[in-house]
Amino acid sequence: MTIANCKLDSARWSQLALLAAVELLAMSLWFSASSVTQALQTSWNLSRGAESWLTISVQLGFVLGALASAVLNLSERISPPRLLAACAMVGAALNAAIPLLISDTFGRTTGGFAALVALRMATGVMLAGVYPTGMKLLATWFKQGRGLAIGVLVGALTLGSASPHLLAGLAHWRTVMYGCSVAALLAGLLAAATAQVGPHLPTATRFDWGYFARVWADPAVRRANFGYLGHMFELYAMWTWAPRLLRESYTAHSYSLSAAAAAGFAVVAIGGLGCVLAGLTADRAGRCWTTIASLVVSGSCALAAGWLADQPLLLTAVCLIWGFAVVADSAQFSAAVSELCDPQFVGTALTIQTCAGFLLTTLTIRAVPEVQATHGWGWAFAMLALGPVFGVFHMARLRASDAATKMAGGRR
C-alpha cells in the first residue's frame, strides 16, 4: 500500500469516528421529550394520545425537512459539514426552548401544547439535516466496506437516540432536555471543526418529482422499499413505547425509577451493536439474508414482549433481544435501494424511501397506545409484528429475483 493510500485509509476511519460522535451527540434530540413523558404528564396533564405527539411531531418534521432538503438540493448548495453543523446547533436551540419558554402553567393550556408540538416538529426538520447529511459525508469516504461504516454510523445514532432515557432516570425533565441540547451543540461544534468531504463525492443530482411514481414501478426497488416499510412499521413504535412498558412493569414490582430508566436506555442502545454486526454480516452474507433474519427475530419479540409485563426481568431480556434486532437491518434497506435503483436518481429514491417510512411510523406510534388502552400491551405490541411479516415476504421475493445480484457484490 502506498503512503497516499495509507493516509487516505487513516483519514476515512478518523472521519467515521468523528461522524459517529457527531451523530451520537446530535441524535439525543430525537427522544429528548419522549423520554420524560411521565414527568410531562404530571406537570402538564398530558393524555396518552397527547404523549404520542411528542414523537410523532419529530417524525413529521423529519419528513418535511428531508423532502425540502432534497427538493432544494441543500447538500449541493451548502457545504455538507456546514449544513450538518448548522442543523445540529439550531436543533439544540429549538429543543432548549421547550424547558426555557414553556412553564408548567402554560404547558397545561392548548397554546402550550401547540407550542410544544411546533418546537418538536421544527427540531425534526433540523434532524433531517443531521442524519442524511452525515450519511452522505460518510459515503464520500467509503466505497469499500460501506456496509460496516454505515452500520457504525447508524449504531452511533441509535445510542444517541437512547441516551435521553438514561438521563431521565437521573435528573429533572428540564435538566434532561437542556442536557440533550448541550450534546447537540457540541455535535455542531465538532462537525464544524473536524468534518470533511472525502474523495468520493458523488455527482450532483436534481430531485425528480416524476421518479416518485417510477420508483414504485421497478419490482426490485419496490420490494426493497416494502421491506423497509415493514421494518419502520415496527421500529419507532418499539423505541417509543417499550421503555414505557418497562417503566410500568418495574414500578409495579417496586423497582426504582432509575433502574427502569436504565432498562429503557439499554433496550434502545443495544441496537447500536446490532447495526455494526448487521453491517459486517450484510457485506459477507448478503443484504436479503441479513434483513430477513433481523425481521424474524424482531417480529418474534414483538409477539412476546407485551405479555410479559408481570415478569420484569424476563421482559427486559426479551426487549434487549428485540432492541438488538429491530434496528440492526435499518441501514441495509437504504444500501439496497441505492444499489438497485437508477444511479441518476439515488438521491430521489432514498428520499422517497425515507419519507414513506417515517410517515408510516406516525401511524403505529399513535396506534400502540390506542390498542393498549382497550386490549393491553400484549396485543398492542403483537400488532407491530405485522410489519416484519410483510417485510420478510418482500425481501424473500427480492432474494429470489435476478436483481438481488446487484446488491452487496452479488451476495443475496
Protein backbone atom coordinates (compact mmCIF):
# COMPACT_ATOMS: atom_id res chain seq x y z
CA MET A 1 0.00 0.00 0.00
CA THR A 2 1.39 3.42 -0.96
CA ILE A 3 1.90 6.25 1.52
CA ALA A 4 -1.00 8.15 -0.11
CA ASN A 5 -3.32 5.16 0.29
CA CYS A 6 -2.26 4.74 3.93
CA LYS A 7 -3.07 8.39 4.62
CA LEU A 8 -6.45 8.06 2.87
CA ASP A 9 -7.26 4.91 4.84
CA SER A 10 -6.34 6.61 8.12
CA ALA A 11 -8.36 9.70 7.21
CA ARG A 12 -11.51 7.79 6.37
CA TRP A 13 -11.52 5.86 9.64
CA SER A 14 -10.87 9.08 11.54
CA GLN A 15 -13.79 10.73 9.76
CA LEU A 16 -16.01 7.74 10.55
CA ALA A 17 -15.16 8.08 14.25
CA LEU A 18 -15.83 11.83 14.18
CA LEU A 19 -19.12 11.48 12.29
CA ALA A 20 -20.21 8.73 14.68
CA ALA A 21 -19.51 11.04 17.62
CA VAL A 22 -21.47 13.85 15.94
CA GLU A 23 -24.48 11.61 15.27
CA LEU A 24 -24.40 10.17 18.78
CA LEU A 25 -24.46 13.62 20.38
CA ALA A 26 -26.93 15.26 17.99
CA MET A 27 -29.48 12.45 17.87
CA SER A 28 -30.11 12.77 21.62
CA LEU A 29 -32.63 15.40 20.49
CA TRP A 30 -34.93 12.78 18.95
CA PHE A 31 -36.34 11.33 22.17
CA SER A 32 -35.44 14.21 24.49
CA ALA A 33 -39.13 14.91 25.19
CA SER A 34 -40.45 11.37 24.75
CA SER A 35 -38.07 10.09 27.44
CA VAL A 36 -39.66 12.37 30.05
CA THR A 37 -43.31 11.76 29.20
CA GLN A 38 -44.18 10.63 32.72
CA ALA A 39 -42.89 13.91 34.18
CA LEU A 40 -44.64 15.95 31.47
CA GLN A 41 -47.84 14.02 32.03
CA THR A 42 -47.72 15.00 35.69
CA SER A 43 -46.67 18.61 35.10
CA TRP A 44 -48.84 19.37 32.07
CA ASN A 45 -51.71 16.84 32.40
CA LEU A 46 -50.94 15.21 29.05
CA SER A 47 -53.19 12.40 27.85
CA ARG A 48 -51.73 9.20 26.38
CA GLY A 49 -52.73 10.44 22.91
CA ALA A 50 -51.02 13.77 23.54
CA GLU A 51 -47.89 11.92 24.63
CA SER A 52 -47.76 10.26 21.23
CA TRP A 53 -47.32 13.63 19.60
CA LEU A 54 -44.02 14.17 21.40
CA THR A 55 -42.54 11.67 18.95
CA ILE A 56 -44.98 11.93 16.03
CA SER A 57 -44.20 15.64 15.64
CA VAL A 58 -40.49 14.86 15.28
CA GLN A 59 -41.24 12.21 12.66
CA LEU A 60 -43.36 14.64 10.64
CA GLY A 61 -40.73 17.36 10.92
CA PHE A 62 -38.07 14.94 9.75
CA VAL A 63 -40.15 14.04 6.68
CA LEU A 64 -40.70 17.71 5.82
CA GLY A 65 -37.03 18.50 6.33
CA ALA A 66 -35.83 15.56 4.24
CA LEU A 67 -38.19 16.43 1.40
CA ALA A 68 -37.30 20.14 1.48
CA SER A 69 -33.58 19.38 1.56
CA ALA A 70 -33.89 17.06 -1.45
CA VAL A 71 -36.07 19.42 -3.50
CA LEU A 72 -33.83 22.42 -2.78
CA ASN A 73 -30.60 20.40 -3.18
CA LEU A 74 -29.32 21.88 0.08
CA SER A 75 -26.45 19.42 0.39
CA GLU A 76 -25.24 20.55 -3.05
CA ARG A 77 -25.68 24.27 -2.41
CA ILE A 78 -24.27 24.27 1.12
CA SER A 79 -21.09 22.56 2.25
CA PRO A 80 -22.26 19.30 3.91
CA PRO A 81 -20.10 19.84 7.05
CA ARG A 82 -21.55 23.33 7.45
CA LEU A 83 -25.10 22.10 6.85
CA LEU A 84 -24.64 19.34 9.41
CA ALA A 85 -23.16 21.72 11.97
CA ALA A 86 -25.83 24.39 11.48
CA CYS A 87 -28.73 21.95 11.74
CA ALA A 88 -27.34 20.38 14.91
CA MET A 89 -26.91 23.76 16.59
CA VAL A 90 -30.30 25.14 15.53
CA GLY A 91 -31.88 21.88 16.67
CA ALA A 92 -30.18 22.32 20.04
CA ALA A 93 -31.68 25.81 20.39
CA LEU A 94 -35.18 24.66 19.42
CA ASN A 95 -35.04 21.80 21.92
CA ALA A 96 -33.79 24.07 24.71
CA ALA A 97 -36.68 26.46 24.04
CA ILE A 98 -39.13 23.91 25.46
CA PRO A 99 -37.86 23.88 29.06
CA LEU A 100 -36.82 27.52 28.83
CA LEU A 101 -40.03 29.06 27.49
CA ILE A 102 -42.88 26.69 28.39
CA SER A 103 -43.80 26.97 32.05
CA ASP A 104 -45.93 24.38 33.81
CA THR A 105 -48.88 26.78 33.77
CA PHE A 106 -48.54 27.45 30.04
CA GLY A 107 -47.87 23.77 29.37
CA ARG A 108 -51.34 22.83 30.67
CA THR A 109 -53.04 25.05 28.08
CA THR A 110 -53.92 24.31 24.47
CA GLY A 111 -51.49 27.01 23.36
CA GLY A 112 -48.71 25.48 25.43
CA PHE A 113 -49.25 22.06 23.90
CA ALA A 114 -49.32 23.59 20.41
CA ALA A 115 -46.01 25.35 21.12
CA LEU A 116 -44.53 22.07 22.34
CA VAL A 117 -45.59 20.21 19.19
CA ALA A 118 -44.37 23.04 16.93
CA LEU A 119 -40.95 23.10 18.58
CA ARG A 120 -40.65 19.31 18.38
CA MET A 121 -41.61 19.38 14.70
CA ALA A 122 -39.06 22.12 13.99
CA THR A 123 -36.44 20.01 15.79
CA GLY A 124 -37.34 17.12 13.49
CA VAL A 125 -36.78 19.39 10.47
CA MET A 126 -33.28 20.14 11.75
CA LEU A 127 -32.53 16.46 12.37
CA ALA A 128 -33.23 15.88 8.67
CA GLY A 129 -30.08 17.94 8.11
CA VAL A 130 -28.09 15.85 10.58
CA TYR A 131 -28.76 12.17 9.86
CA PRO A 132 -28.94 12.16 6.00
CA THR A 133 -26.10 14.67 5.70
CA GLY A 134 -23.91 12.55 7.95
CA MET A 135 -24.68 9.54 5.78
CA LYS A 136 -23.76 11.48 2.65
CA LEU A 137 -20.46 12.60 4.16
CA LEU A 138 -19.72 9.01 5.13
CA ALA A 139 -20.34 7.86 1.55
CA THR A 140 -17.71 10.31 0.29
CA TRP A 141 -15.09 8.44 2.34
CA PHE A 142 -16.15 4.81 1.83
CA LYS A 143 -16.54 2.85 -1.39
CA GLN A 144 -15.29 -0.42 0.08
CA GLY A 145 -16.57 -1.58 3.47
CA ARG A 146 -19.55 0.74 3.27
CA GLY A 147 -21.84 -1.78 4.97
CA LEU A 148 -19.72 -1.76 8.11
CA ALA A 149 -19.24 2.02 8.00
CA ILE A 150 -22.97 2.65 7.68
CA GLY A 151 -23.60 0.15 10.46
CA VAL A 152 -21.24 2.05 12.75
CA LEU A 153 -22.92 5.37 11.95
CA VAL A 154 -26.46 4.05 12.44
CA GLY A 155 -25.25 2.34 15.62
CA ALA A 156 -23.98 5.68 16.93
CA LEU A 157 -27.24 7.47 16.21
CA THR A 158 -29.11 4.60 17.87
CA LEU A 159 -27.02 5.03 21.01
CA GLY A 160 -27.61 8.77 20.84
CA SER A 161 -31.36 8.26 20.48
CA ALA A 162 -31.27 6.07 23.59
CA SER A 163 -29.28 8.48 25.76
CA PRO A 164 -32.21 10.64 26.99
CA HIS A 165 -33.80 7.56 28.57
CA LEU A 166 -30.72 7.14 30.76
CA LEU A 167 -30.65 10.81 31.71
CA ALA A 168 -34.37 10.71 32.54
CA GLY A 169 -33.68 8.40 35.48
CA LEU A 170 -31.11 10.77 36.95
CA ALA A 171 -32.41 14.31 36.64
CA HIS A 172 -35.44 16.65 36.40
CA TRP A 173 -37.07 16.66 32.98
CA ARG A 174 -35.95 20.23 32.22
CA THR A 175 -32.36 19.26 33.03
CA VAL A 176 -32.66 16.26 30.71
CA MET A 177 -33.77 18.46 27.82
CA TYR A 178 -31.06 21.03 28.49
CA GLY A 179 -28.51 18.21 28.61
CA CYS A 180 -29.64 16.95 25.19
CA SER A 181 -29.35 20.46 23.78
CA VAL A 182 -25.81 20.80 25.12
CA ALA A 183 -24.93 17.48 23.49
CA ALA A 184 -26.36 18.63 20.14
CA LEU A 185 -24.49 21.95 20.41
CA LEU A 186 -21.26 20.04 20.97
CA ALA A 187 -22.11 17.91 17.91
CA GLY A 188 -22.49 21.03 15.80
CA LEU A 189 -19.19 22.49 17.00
CA LEU A 190 -17.42 19.17 16.41
CA ALA A 191 -18.82 18.92 12.89
CA ALA A 192 -17.85 22.50 12.07
CA ALA A 193 -14.30 21.96 13.33
CA THR A 194 -13.48 18.49 12.03
CA ALA A 195 -15.94 17.11 9.42
CA GLN A 196 -14.59 16.98 5.88
CA VAL A 197 -15.80 15.87 2.47
CA GLY A 198 -13.99 12.76 1.21
CA PRO A 199 -12.57 11.98 -2.23
CA HIS A 200 -15.64 10.08 -3.47
CA LEU A 201 -18.11 12.96 -3.67
CA PRO A 202 -20.92 11.82 -5.99
CA THR A 203 -22.01 13.81 -9.00
CA ALA A 204 -24.68 16.36 -8.12
CA THR A 205 -28.20 15.23 -8.97
CA ARG A 206 -31.52 17.02 -9.11
CA PHE A 207 -34.62 15.87 -7.33
CA ASP A 208 -37.05 14.37 -9.84
CA TRP A 209 -40.74 14.52 -8.89
CA GLY A 210 -41.59 12.13 -11.73
CA TYR A 211 -39.45 9.43 -10.14
CA PHE A 212 -41.96 9.30 -7.27
CA ALA A 213 -44.17 7.16 -9.50
CA ARG A 214 -41.45 5.36 -11.44
CA VAL A 215 -39.63 4.12 -8.34
CA TRP A 216 -42.65 2.00 -7.38
CA ALA A 217 -42.84 0.50 -10.89
CA ASP A 218 -39.43 -1.18 -10.59
CA PRO A 219 -40.13 -4.59 -8.93
CA ALA A 220 -36.74 -4.88 -7.19
CA VAL A 221 -36.74 -1.34 -5.79
CA ARG A 222 -40.37 -1.71 -4.80
CA ARG A 223 -39.65 -4.89 -2.83
CA ALA A 224 -36.66 -3.28 -1.07
CA ASN A 225 -38.90 -0.34 -0.15
CA PHE A 226 -41.65 -2.65 1.08
CA GLY A 227 -39.08 -4.44 3.22
CA TYR A 228 -38.10 -1.07 4.67
CA LEU A 229 -41.72 -0.14 5.33
CA GLY A 230 -42.23 -3.41 7.21
CA HIS A 231 -39.16 -2.57 9.29
CA MET A 232 -40.31 1.01 10.00
CA PHE A 233 -43.84 -0.17 10.90
CA GLU A 234 -42.23 -1.67 13.99
CA LEU A 235 -39.09 0.33 14.77
CA TYR A 236 -40.11 3.73 16.13
CA ALA A 237 -43.24 2.43 17.85
CA MET A 238 -40.98 -0.02 19.72
CA TRP A 239 -38.46 2.71 20.57
CA THR A 240 -41.26 4.98 21.78
CA TRP A 241 -43.32 2.55 23.86
CA ALA A 242 -41.06 -0.30 25.02
CA PRO A 243 -39.37 1.98 27.62
CA ARG A 244 -42.86 2.93 28.81
CA LEU A 245 -43.86 -0.72 29.24
CA LEU A 246 -40.62 -1.41 31.13
CA ARG A 247 -41.23 1.55 33.42
CA GLU A 248 -44.75 0.36 34.22
CA SER A 249 -43.53 -3.20 34.81
CA TYR A 250 -40.64 -2.10 37.03
CA THR A 251 -42.84 0.29 39.02
CA ALA A 252 -45.50 -2.38 39.61
CA HIS A 253 -42.83 -4.67 41.08
CA SER A 254 -41.25 -1.96 43.26
CA TYR A 255 -38.08 -1.50 41.23
CA SER A 256 -36.58 2.01 41.28
CA LEU A 257 -37.27 4.55 38.56
CA SER A 258 -33.55 4.76 37.85
CA ALA A 259 -33.48 1.00 37.20
CA ALA A 260 -36.45 1.38 34.84
CA ALA A 261 -34.73 4.26 33.04
CA ALA A 262 -31.53 2.22 32.69
CA ALA A 263 -33.54 -0.66 31.20
CA GLY A 264 -35.27 1.70 28.76
CA PHE A 265 -31.91 3.08 27.71
CA ALA A 266 -30.40 -0.39 27.30
CA VAL A 267 -33.12 -1.81 25.05
CA VAL A 268 -32.71 1.07 22.58
CA ALA A 269 -28.94 1.45 22.91
CA ILE A 270 -28.18 -2.22 22.28
CA GLY A 271 -29.40 -1.67 18.74
CA GLY A 272 -26.12 0.12 18.11
CA LEU A 273 -24.28 -3.18 18.45
CA GLY A 274 -26.89 -4.81 16.20
CA CYS A 275 -26.25 -2.23 13.48
CA VAL A 276 -22.50 -2.82 13.47
CA LEU A 277 -22.82 -6.61 13.38
CA ALA A 278 -25.50 -6.43 10.67
CA GLY A 279 -23.23 -4.18 8.60
CA LEU A 280 -20.46 -6.78 8.81
CA THR A 281 -22.88 -9.62 8.05
CA ALA A 282 -24.52 -7.91 5.08
CA ASP A 283 -21.18 -7.34 3.35
CA ARG A 284 -20.42 -11.07 3.68
CA ALA A 285 -23.73 -12.95 3.64
CA GLY A 286 -25.90 -10.54 1.66
CA ARG A 287 -28.46 -7.85 2.41
CA CYS A 288 -31.54 -10.03 1.93
CA TRP A 289 -30.41 -12.70 4.40
CA THR A 290 -29.40 -10.05 6.94
CA THR A 291 -32.67 -8.16 6.77
CA ILE A 292 -34.79 -11.32 6.82
CA ALA A 293 -33.01 -12.63 9.91
CA SER A 294 -33.39 -9.30 11.72
CA LEU A 295 -37.08 -9.07 10.85
CA VAL A 296 -37.81 -12.62 12.01
CA VAL A 297 -36.13 -12.06 15.39
CA SER A 298 -37.69 -8.63 16.00
CA GLY A 299 -41.15 -9.77 14.91
CA SER A 300 -40.95 -12.75 17.28
CA CYS A 301 -40.03 -10.44 20.16
CA ALA A 302 -42.94 -8.14 19.29
CA LEU A 303 -45.30 -11.10 19.63
CA ALA A 304 -43.91 -11.98 23.05
CA ALA A 305 -42.93 -8.76 24.83
CA GLY A 306 -46.32 -7.28 25.70
CA TRP A 307 -47.46 -10.44 27.52
CA LEU A 308 -44.51 -10.33 29.96
CA ALA A 309 -45.37 -7.19 31.94
CA ASP A 310 -45.76 -9.27 35.12
CA GLN A 311 -42.23 -10.66 34.75
CA PRO A 312 -39.94 -7.59 34.55
CA LEU A 313 -36.65 -9.49 34.31
CA LEU A 314 -37.87 -11.78 31.54
CA LEU A 315 -39.47 -8.77 29.85
CA THR A 316 -36.13 -6.97 29.99
CA ALA A 317 -34.34 -9.93 28.41
CA VAL A 318 -36.84 -10.16 25.54
CA CYS A 319 -36.73 -6.39 24.99
CA LEU A 320 -32.93 -6.45 24.85
CA ILE A 321 -33.08 -9.04 22.06
CA TRP A 322 -35.82 -7.00 20.41
CA GLY A 323 -33.82 -3.80 20.64
CA PHE A 324 -30.77 -5.53 19.17
CA ALA A 325 -32.67 -6.85 16.15
CA VAL A 326 -35.27 -4.15 15.49
CA VAL A 327 -32.79 -1.59 14.10
CA ALA A 328 -29.96 -3.89 13.00
CA ASP A 329 -31.18 -4.06 9.40
CA SER A 330 -32.10 -0.40 9.06
CA ALA A 331 -29.12 0.79 7.04
CA GLN A 332 -29.23 -2.24 4.76
CA PHE A 333 -32.55 -1.23 3.20
CA SER A 334 -31.09 2.13 2.19
CA ALA A 335 -27.99 0.44 0.83
CA ALA A 336 -30.17 -1.99 -1.12
CA VAL A 337 -32.20 0.78 -2.77
CA SER A 338 -29.03 2.70 -3.66
CA GLU A 339 -27.70 -0.43 -5.41
CA LEU A 340 -30.95 -1.34 -7.19
CA CYS A 341 -32.28 1.98 -8.45
CA ASP A 342 -31.24 4.06 -11.48
CA PRO A 343 -27.88 5.64 -10.48
CA GLN A 344 -29.11 9.02 -11.75
CA PHE A 345 -31.84 9.07 -9.12
CA VAL A 346 -30.23 7.59 -6.00
CA GLY A 347 -30.87 10.77 -4.00
CA THR A 348 -34.51 10.89 -5.06
CA ALA A 349 -35.01 7.17 -4.39
CA LEU A 350 -33.57 7.43 -0.87
CA THR A 351 -35.67 10.50 -0.12
CA ILE A 352 -38.82 8.66 -1.21
CA GLN A 353 -37.89 5.67 0.94
CA THR A 354 -37.13 7.82 3.98
CA CYS A 355 -40.28 9.93 3.72
CA ALA A 356 -42.57 6.93 3.20
CA GLY A 357 -41.01 5.08 6.13
CA PHE A 358 -41.15 7.94 8.61
CA LEU A 359 -44.71 8.83 7.64
CA LEU A 360 -45.69 5.23 8.36
CA THR A 361 -44.13 5.43 11.82
CA THR A 362 -46.59 8.14 12.81
CA LEU A 363 -49.47 5.69 12.41
CA THR A 364 -48.00 2.92 14.56
CA ILE A 365 -46.69 5.29 17.23
CA ARG A 366 -50.26 6.59 17.57
CA ALA A 367 -51.91 3.16 17.27
CA VAL A 368 -49.99 1.43 20.08
CA PRO A 369 -51.49 3.43 22.98
CA GLU A 370 -54.97 3.15 21.48
CA VAL A 371 -54.75 -0.64 21.25
CA GLN A 372 -53.08 -0.83 24.67
CA ALA A 373 -55.86 1.16 26.31
CA THR A 374 -58.51 -1.33 25.18
CA HIS A 375 -56.67 -4.63 24.76
CA GLY A 376 -53.46 -4.34 26.79
CA TRP A 377 -49.77 -4.32 25.95
CA GLY A 378 -49.80 -7.87 24.60
CA TRP A 379 -52.00 -7.10 21.62
CA ALA A 380 -50.56 -3.60 21.19
CA PHE A 381 -47.05 -4.95 20.59
CA ALA A 382 -48.20 -8.08 18.77
CA MET A 383 -49.76 -5.76 16.19
CA LEU A 384 -46.26 -4.49 15.37
CA ALA A 385 -45.26 -7.98 14.17
CA LEU A 386 -47.36 -7.37 11.06
CA GLY A 387 -44.56 -5.16 9.77
CA PRO A 388 -41.82 -7.81 9.94
CA VAL A 389 -44.13 -10.39 8.33
CA PHE A 390 -44.72 -8.00 5.43
CA GLY A 391 -41.02 -7.18 5.22
CA VAL A 392 -39.84 -10.80 5.26
CA PHE A 393 -42.22 -11.71 2.43
CA HIS A 394 -40.91 -8.98 0.15
CA MET A 395 -37.22 -9.43 0.99
CA ALA A 396 -37.54 -13.18 0.34
CA ARG A 397 -39.11 -12.42 -3.05
CA LEU A 398 -36.32 -9.93 -3.76
CA ARG A 399 -33.68 -12.52 -2.85
CA ALA A 400 -35.22 -14.96 -5.33
CA SER A 401 -35.00 -12.45 -8.19
CA ASP A 402 -32.07 -11.88 -10.54
CA ALA A 403 -31.85 -8.27 -9.36
CA ALA A 404 -30.56 -9.46 -5.98
CA THR A 405 -27.12 -10.00 -7.52
CA LYS A 406 -26.76 -6.20 -7.82
CA MET A 407 -26.51 -5.93 -4.03
CA ALA A 408 -23.50 -6.43 -1.73
CA GLY A 409 -21.20 -7.54 -4.53
CA GLY A 410 -23.56 -10.25 -5.73
CA ARG A 411 -24.32 -11.66 -2.29
CA ARG A 412 -28.05 -12.16 -1.87
